[in-house]
Amino acid sequence: FVPLLIATSVWWVARRAEGRAQEGPLELATVATPRAPGDCRDSHELLVMDANRQFEAPVHLGGGSRLVLVGDSITESWRGTSCFSSCKRCQGVPEVLRQTLGVRWPDPLVLAVSGDQTQHVLWRLDNGELPPQLASCECVLFSMLIGTNNLGNGHSPQDAHAGMVMVARTLLKHALGKLLVNAVLPRADWNARKRRNSNLDPSFTPMIEQVNAMMNQSVAELERQFPGRVSFVDCGALFLNDRKKVRMDLMPDMLHPNAAGHRLMAGCLETALVELGNGPCPKDQGFNETHQITTRT
């Protein structure tokens, strides 16, 4: 009975974090803010450990660029976890990562926590997930997918967009690598937003289109400030059918891609990442190839 109770509690906490309605007043999307204690917050400490392990002292390997995936539950799925606990909807996703992006960029570093919004990613980056040895490595390719939980928790498209820009700017200012900014993916679990405020438009589609249009323009502006270091990709069309509705075969819960959805997204990301730049990694900027992903047991 006790093991079952513990397992049920872990599942409930993780599921509650995935796109749930935020309680209390909205946090500012542009101000670094930690998650509440017990609300997947301890995942951050494990990610800090991963970041430091993978980018340890230079080992003079040289070779290609290194990939770092930053985001929320959709990105954490690459690890096969939600809040560092195994999740059913993540089944097969780590294998997809190894078979796709992991072929060109072995052992990608996944810095993602289920339920995170832009302000939470800002806090994580400010508090250890961007260690000096990672930040100073010019051969790193960052892929950033964040913002959907801001919309799901009641932020306006303008606020979500501002938070996304702040995360992108933080990565570009405080790290030397290149950045691929992802458009917010389609979603249709409108009840999450309706629960937050019954007066809000429950449909995500107009908001997502607005955020992505603004973000595309903002990335063009960032590219002028950081030439050759940032680009934008929208993989959302992969998840829509001919009627512009979310494909249930790729997003069974209308929010998170399954393994098949992640495989399609990996192809989209690889094309954009290669175009952004997959040049040689200076041999004095190291990478620990013996890195092991931290998981909670």
Protein backbone atom coordinates (compact mmCIF):
# COMPACT_ATOMS: atom_id res chain seq x y z
CA PHE A 1 0.00 0.00 0.00
CA VAL A 2 2.77 2.46 0.93
CA PRO A 3 4.73 2.10 -2.35
CA LEU A 4 1.47 2.58 -4.27
CA LEU A 5 0.67 5.71 -2.26
CA ILE A 6 4.14 7.14 -2.91
CA ALA A 7 3.94 6.37 -6.63
CA THR A 8 0.49 7.92 -6.84
CA SER A 9 1.68 11.05 -5.03
CA VAL A 10 4.68 11.45 -7.36
CA TRP A 11 2.44 11.08 -10.41
CA TRP A 12 -0.06 13.60 -9.06
CA VAL A 13 2.59 16.24 -8.36
CA ALA A 14 4.16 15.79 -11.80
CA ARG A 15 0.82 15.85 -13.63
CA ARG A 16 -0.30 18.90 -11.66
CA ALA A 17 2.77 20.75 -12.90
CA GLU A 18 2.08 20.06 -16.58
CA GLY A 19 0.14 23.02 -17.89
CA ARG A 20 -1.90 23.34 -14.71
CA ALA A 21 -3.70 26.53 -13.76
CA GLN A 22 -1.48 28.67 -11.58
CA GLU A 23 -2.89 29.51 -8.17
CA GLY A 24 -2.75 33.05 -6.80
CA PRO A 25 -1.70 36.19 -8.68
CA LEU A 26 0.18 35.82 -11.94
CA GLU A 27 3.95 36.06 -11.73
CA LEU A 28 5.68 38.49 -14.08
CA ALA A 29 6.81 36.62 -17.17
CA THR A 30 9.98 38.72 -17.48
CA VAL A 31 11.21 38.55 -13.86
CA ALA A 32 13.26 35.55 -12.72
CA THR A 33 11.10 33.67 -10.23
CA PRO A 34 11.66 30.25 -8.60
CA ARG A 35 9.00 27.59 -8.54
CA ALA A 36 7.25 27.09 -5.21
CA PRO A 37 8.97 24.59 -2.87
CA GLY A 38 7.84 21.07 -3.69
CA ASP A 39 6.50 22.15 -7.10
CA CYS A 40 9.18 20.38 -9.17
CA ARG A 41 11.67 22.88 -7.77
CA ASP A 42 14.16 20.22 -6.73
CA SER A 43 14.47 19.27 -10.40
CA HIS A 44 16.59 22.41 -10.78
CA GLU A 45 19.31 21.07 -8.48
CA LEU A 46 19.57 17.92 -10.57
CA LEU A 47 19.81 19.96 -13.77
CA VAL A 48 22.62 22.04 -12.29
CA MET A 49 24.46 18.80 -11.58
CA ASP A 50 23.92 17.64 -15.17
CA ALA A 51 25.12 20.94 -16.64
CA ASN A 52 28.30 20.88 -14.57
CA ARG A 53 29.00 17.22 -15.27
CA GLN A 54 28.57 17.51 -19.01
CA PHE A 55 30.65 20.66 -19.34
CA GLU A 56 33.53 19.90 -17.04
CA ALA A 57 37.16 20.98 -17.52
CA PRO A 58 38.35 21.08 -21.16
CA VAL A 59 39.25 17.66 -22.49
CA HIS A 60 40.59 18.75 -25.89
CA LEU A 61 38.16 16.68 -27.90
CA GLY A 62 37.35 19.09 -30.65
CA GLY A 63 34.69 17.89 -33.06
CA GLY A 64 31.19 19.19 -33.72
CA SER A 65 28.86 21.48 -31.86
CA ARG A 66 27.11 20.50 -28.64
CA LEU A 67 23.35 20.65 -28.22
CA VAL A 68 21.49 22.04 -25.20
CA LEU A 69 17.68 21.83 -25.11
CA VAL A 70 15.97 24.40 -22.85
CA GLY A 71 12.28 24.39 -22.00
CA ASP A 72 9.33 22.93 -20.10
CA SER A 73 7.51 19.57 -20.06
CA ILE A 74 7.62 19.15 -23.83
CA THR A 75 11.40 19.42 -23.75
CA GLU A 76 11.75 17.40 -20.54
CA SER A 77 10.04 14.56 -22.38
CA TRP A 78 13.34 14.03 -24.21
CA ARG A 79 14.63 12.72 -20.86
CA GLY A 80 11.64 10.40 -20.50
CA THR A 81 10.51 12.20 -17.36
CA SER A 82 8.15 14.78 -15.91
CA CYS A 83 9.63 16.60 -12.91
CA PHE A 84 12.37 13.93 -13.08
CA SER A 85 9.89 11.10 -12.52
CA SER A 86 9.07 8.63 -15.27
CA CYS A 87 5.89 9.43 -17.17
CA LYS A 88 3.71 7.29 -19.40
CA ARG A 89 3.33 9.90 -22.15
CA CYS A 90 7.15 10.12 -22.42
CA GLN A 91 7.58 6.48 -23.37
CA GLY A 92 9.90 6.05 -26.31
CA VAL A 93 10.92 9.71 -26.46
CA PRO A 94 14.51 9.28 -25.14
CA GLU A 95 15.07 6.61 -27.78
CA VAL A 96 13.82 9.02 -30.44
CA LEU A 97 16.33 11.60 -29.21
CA ARG A 98 19.21 9.14 -29.46
CA GLN A 99 18.13 8.04 -32.95
CA THR A 100 17.65 11.56 -34.33
CA LEU A 101 19.29 14.63 -32.84
CA GLY A 102 21.62 12.46 -30.79
CA VAL A 103 23.25 11.07 -33.92
CA ARG A 104 24.56 14.46 -35.03
CA TRP A 105 24.94 15.87 -31.49
CA PRO A 106 25.73 12.96 -29.15
CA ASP A 107 24.32 13.13 -25.63
CA PRO A 108 22.36 16.40 -25.77
CA LEU A 109 21.95 18.25 -22.48
CA VAL A 110 18.27 18.68 -21.55
CA LEU A 111 17.60 21.64 -19.23
CA ALA A 112 13.84 21.46 -18.84
CA VAL A 113 11.24 21.19 -16.08
CA SER A 114 7.58 20.31 -16.50
CA GLY A 115 5.25 23.23 -15.87
CA ASP A 116 7.93 25.88 -16.25
CA GLN A 117 7.07 29.31 -17.57
CA THR A 118 9.51 31.91 -18.89
CA GLN A 119 10.12 33.44 -15.45
CA HIS A 120 11.08 30.03 -14.07
CA VAL A 121 13.58 29.37 -16.87
CA LEU A 122 15.11 32.79 -16.20
CA TRP A 123 15.55 31.84 -12.55
CA ARG A 124 17.08 28.49 -13.43
CA LEU A 125 19.59 30.08 -15.80
CA ASP A 126 20.48 32.67 -13.16
CA ASN A 127 20.99 30.01 -10.52
CA GLY A 128 23.43 27.48 -11.89
CA GLU A 129 22.10 25.91 -15.08
CA LEU A 130 24.37 28.10 -17.17
CA PRO A 131 27.76 27.41 -15.53
CA PRO A 132 30.84 29.29 -16.78
CA GLN A 133 32.22 26.33 -18.69
CA LEU A 134 28.97 26.00 -20.64
CA ALA A 135 28.42 29.72 -21.10
CA SER A 136 31.95 30.26 -22.41
CA CYS A 137 31.78 27.45 -25.00
CA GLU A 138 31.22 28.93 -28.47
CA CYS A 139 30.39 25.53 -29.96
CA VAL A 140 27.11 25.16 -28.08
CA LEU A 141 23.79 25.19 -29.93
CA PHE A 142 20.86 26.09 -27.69
CA SER A 143 17.31 25.18 -28.66
CA MET A 144 14.70 27.07 -26.63
CA LEU A 145 11.03 26.01 -26.45
CA ILE A 146 9.09 27.90 -23.77
CA GLY A 147 5.97 30.02 -23.41
CA THR A 148 3.02 27.65 -23.68
CA ASN A 149 2.58 27.45 -19.91
CA ASN A 150 2.49 31.23 -19.68
CA LEU A 151 -0.53 31.19 -21.97
CA GLY A 152 -2.04 28.23 -20.14
CA ASN A 153 -1.78 30.03 -16.82
CA GLY A 154 -3.41 33.25 -17.98
CA HIS A 155 -0.64 35.46 -19.35
CA SER A 156 -1.57 37.55 -22.35
CA PRO A 157 0.19 36.90 -25.67
CA GLN A 158 2.10 40.14 -25.12
CA ASP A 159 3.34 39.02 -21.69
CA ALA A 160 4.25 35.54 -22.90
CA HIS A 161 6.13 37.05 -25.82
CA ALA A 162 8.02 39.45 -23.55
CA GLY A 163 9.06 36.55 -21.34
CA MET A 164 10.26 34.52 -24.30
CA VAL A 165 12.32 37.45 -25.56
CA MET A 166 13.85 37.83 -22.10
CA VAL A 167 14.90 34.16 -22.03
CA ALA A 168 16.39 34.43 -25.52
CA ARG A 169 18.22 37.62 -24.66
CA THR A 170 19.58 36.08 -21.45
CA LEU A 171 21.02 33.12 -23.34
CA LEU A 172 22.56 35.34 -26.01
CA LYS A 173 24.04 37.82 -23.53
CA HIS A 174 25.35 35.34 -20.99
CA ALA A 175 26.48 32.51 -23.27
CA LEU A 176 28.67 32.51 -26.38
CA GLY A 177 26.82 29.78 -28.24
CA LYS A 178 24.10 30.06 -30.88
CA LEU A 179 20.37 29.99 -30.19
CA LEU A 180 17.43 28.46 -32.04
CA VAL A 181 14.17 29.98 -30.79
CA ASN A 182 11.17 27.67 -31.22
CA ALA A 183 7.66 28.89 -31.91
CA VAL A 184 5.05 27.85 -29.35
CA LEU A 185 3.51 24.57 -30.52
CA PRO A 186 -0.23 24.19 -31.16
CA ARG A 187 -2.38 22.98 -28.27
CA ALA A 188 -6.08 22.34 -27.73
CA ASP A 189 -6.44 21.59 -24.02
CA TRP A 190 -8.39 24.82 -23.57
CA ASN A 191 -9.86 23.79 -20.20
CA ALA A 192 -6.56 24.69 -18.49
CA ARG A 193 -6.92 28.35 -19.45
CA LYS A 194 -10.67 28.35 -18.79
CA ARG A 195 -10.06 27.18 -15.22
CA ARG A 196 -7.63 30.05 -14.65
CA ASN A 197 -10.18 32.71 -15.52
CA SER A 198 -13.65 32.02 -16.92
CA ASN A 199 -13.60 35.38 -18.70
CA LEU A 200 -10.57 34.47 -20.83
CA ASP A 201 -10.92 33.24 -24.39
CA PRO A 202 -10.44 29.47 -23.99
CA SER A 203 -9.05 28.98 -27.48
CA PHE A 204 -5.27 28.82 -27.66
CA THR A 205 -4.95 29.13 -31.43
CA PRO A 206 -5.32 32.92 -31.84
CA MET A 207 -2.97 33.55 -28.91
CA ILE A 208 -0.33 31.14 -30.15
CA GLU A 209 -0.44 32.64 -33.63
CA GLN A 210 -0.06 36.11 -32.15
CA VAL A 211 2.84 35.12 -29.90
CA ASN A 212 4.66 33.36 -32.74
CA ALA A 213 4.23 36.29 -35.13
CA MET A 214 5.66 38.67 -32.53
CA MET A 215 8.46 36.26 -31.68
CA ASN A 216 9.46 35.84 -35.31
CA GLN A 217 9.84 39.60 -35.58
CA SER A 218 11.72 39.83 -32.28
CA VAL A 219 14.20 37.16 -33.34
CA ALA A 220 14.90 39.16 -36.49
CA GLU A 221 15.69 42.11 -34.25
CA LEU A 222 17.88 39.96 -32.00
CA GLU A 223 19.75 38.71 -35.06
CA ARG A 224 20.73 42.27 -35.85
CA GLN A 225 22.11 42.65 -32.33
CA PHE A 226 23.75 39.21 -32.28
CA PRO A 227 24.68 38.56 -35.95
CA GLY A 228 24.84 34.93 -36.95
CA ARG A 229 23.91 33.68 -33.50
CA VAL A 230 20.12 33.36 -33.43
CA SER A 231 17.31 32.12 -35.64
CA PHE A 232 13.63 31.15 -35.40
CA VAL A 233 11.85 27.92 -36.28
CA ASP A 234 8.15 27.04 -36.29
CA CYS A 235 7.53 23.29 -36.22
CA GLY A 236 3.86 23.72 -35.35
CA ALA A 237 2.41 22.79 -38.74
CA LEU A 238 3.57 19.20 -38.18
CA PHE A 239 0.99 18.82 -35.42
CA LEU A 240 -2.03 20.13 -37.34
CA ASN A 241 -4.30 18.27 -39.70
CA ASP A 242 -5.86 19.60 -42.91
CA ARG A 243 -8.51 21.40 -40.86
CA LYS A 244 -5.83 23.12 -38.73
CA LYS A 245 -6.79 21.01 -35.71
CA VAL A 246 -4.30 19.36 -33.36
CA ARG A 247 -3.45 15.84 -34.50
CA MET A 248 -4.43 13.46 -31.72
CA ASP A 249 -2.13 10.77 -33.13
CA LEU A 250 0.85 13.05 -32.39
CA MET A 251 -0.50 14.92 -29.32
CA PRO A 252 -2.86 12.54 -27.51
CA ASP A 253 -3.43 14.99 -24.63
CA MET A 254 -3.60 17.93 -27.06
CA LEU A 255 -0.50 19.48 -25.49
CA HIS A 256 2.48 17.10 -25.36
CA PRO A 257 3.87 15.38 -28.44
CA ASN A 258 4.24 11.63 -28.08
CA ALA A 259 7.23 9.68 -29.41
CA ALA A 260 5.96 9.94 -33.00
CA GLY A 261 5.44 13.67 -32.57
CA HIS A 262 8.90 14.13 -31.12
CA ARG A 263 10.40 12.26 -34.06
CA LEU A 264 8.79 14.69 -36.50
CA MET A 265 9.85 17.64 -34.37
CA ALA A 266 13.43 16.33 -34.24
CA GLY A 267 13.61 16.44 -38.05
CA CYS A 268 12.34 20.01 -38.05
CA LEU A 269 14.84 21.03 -35.37
CA GLU A 270 17.77 19.30 -37.04
CA THR A 271 17.22 21.17 -40.29
CA ALA A 272 17.03 24.51 -38.49
CA LEU A 273 20.01 23.78 -36.22
CA VAL A 274 22.23 22.74 -39.13
CA GLU A 275 21.30 25.92 -40.96
CA LEU A 276 22.09 27.98 -37.86
CA GLY A 277 25.52 26.49 -37.63
CA ASN A 278 27.19 23.20 -36.83
CA GLY A 279 30.77 24.29 -37.13
CA PRO A 280 33.79 22.72 -35.44
CA CYS A 281 34.17 22.99 -31.70
CA PRO A 282 37.48 24.63 -30.70
CA LYS A 283 39.64 21.94 -29.18
CA ASP A 284 40.26 23.98 -26.03
CA GLN A 285 36.53 24.07 -25.24
CA GLY A 286 35.77 20.77 -23.65
CA PHE A 287 32.85 18.41 -23.27
CA ASN A 288 32.55 15.42 -21.00
CA GLU A 289 31.42 12.52 -23.18
CA THR A 290 31.07 10.27 -20.13
CA HIS A 291 28.13 12.39 -18.90
CA GLN A 292 25.23 10.41 -17.48
CA ILE A 293 21.73 11.94 -17.30
CA THR A 294 20.53 12.34 -13.72
CA THR A 295 17.18 10.76 -12.92
CA ARG A 296 15.15 10.39 -9.78
CA THR A 297 14.73 6.84 -8.49
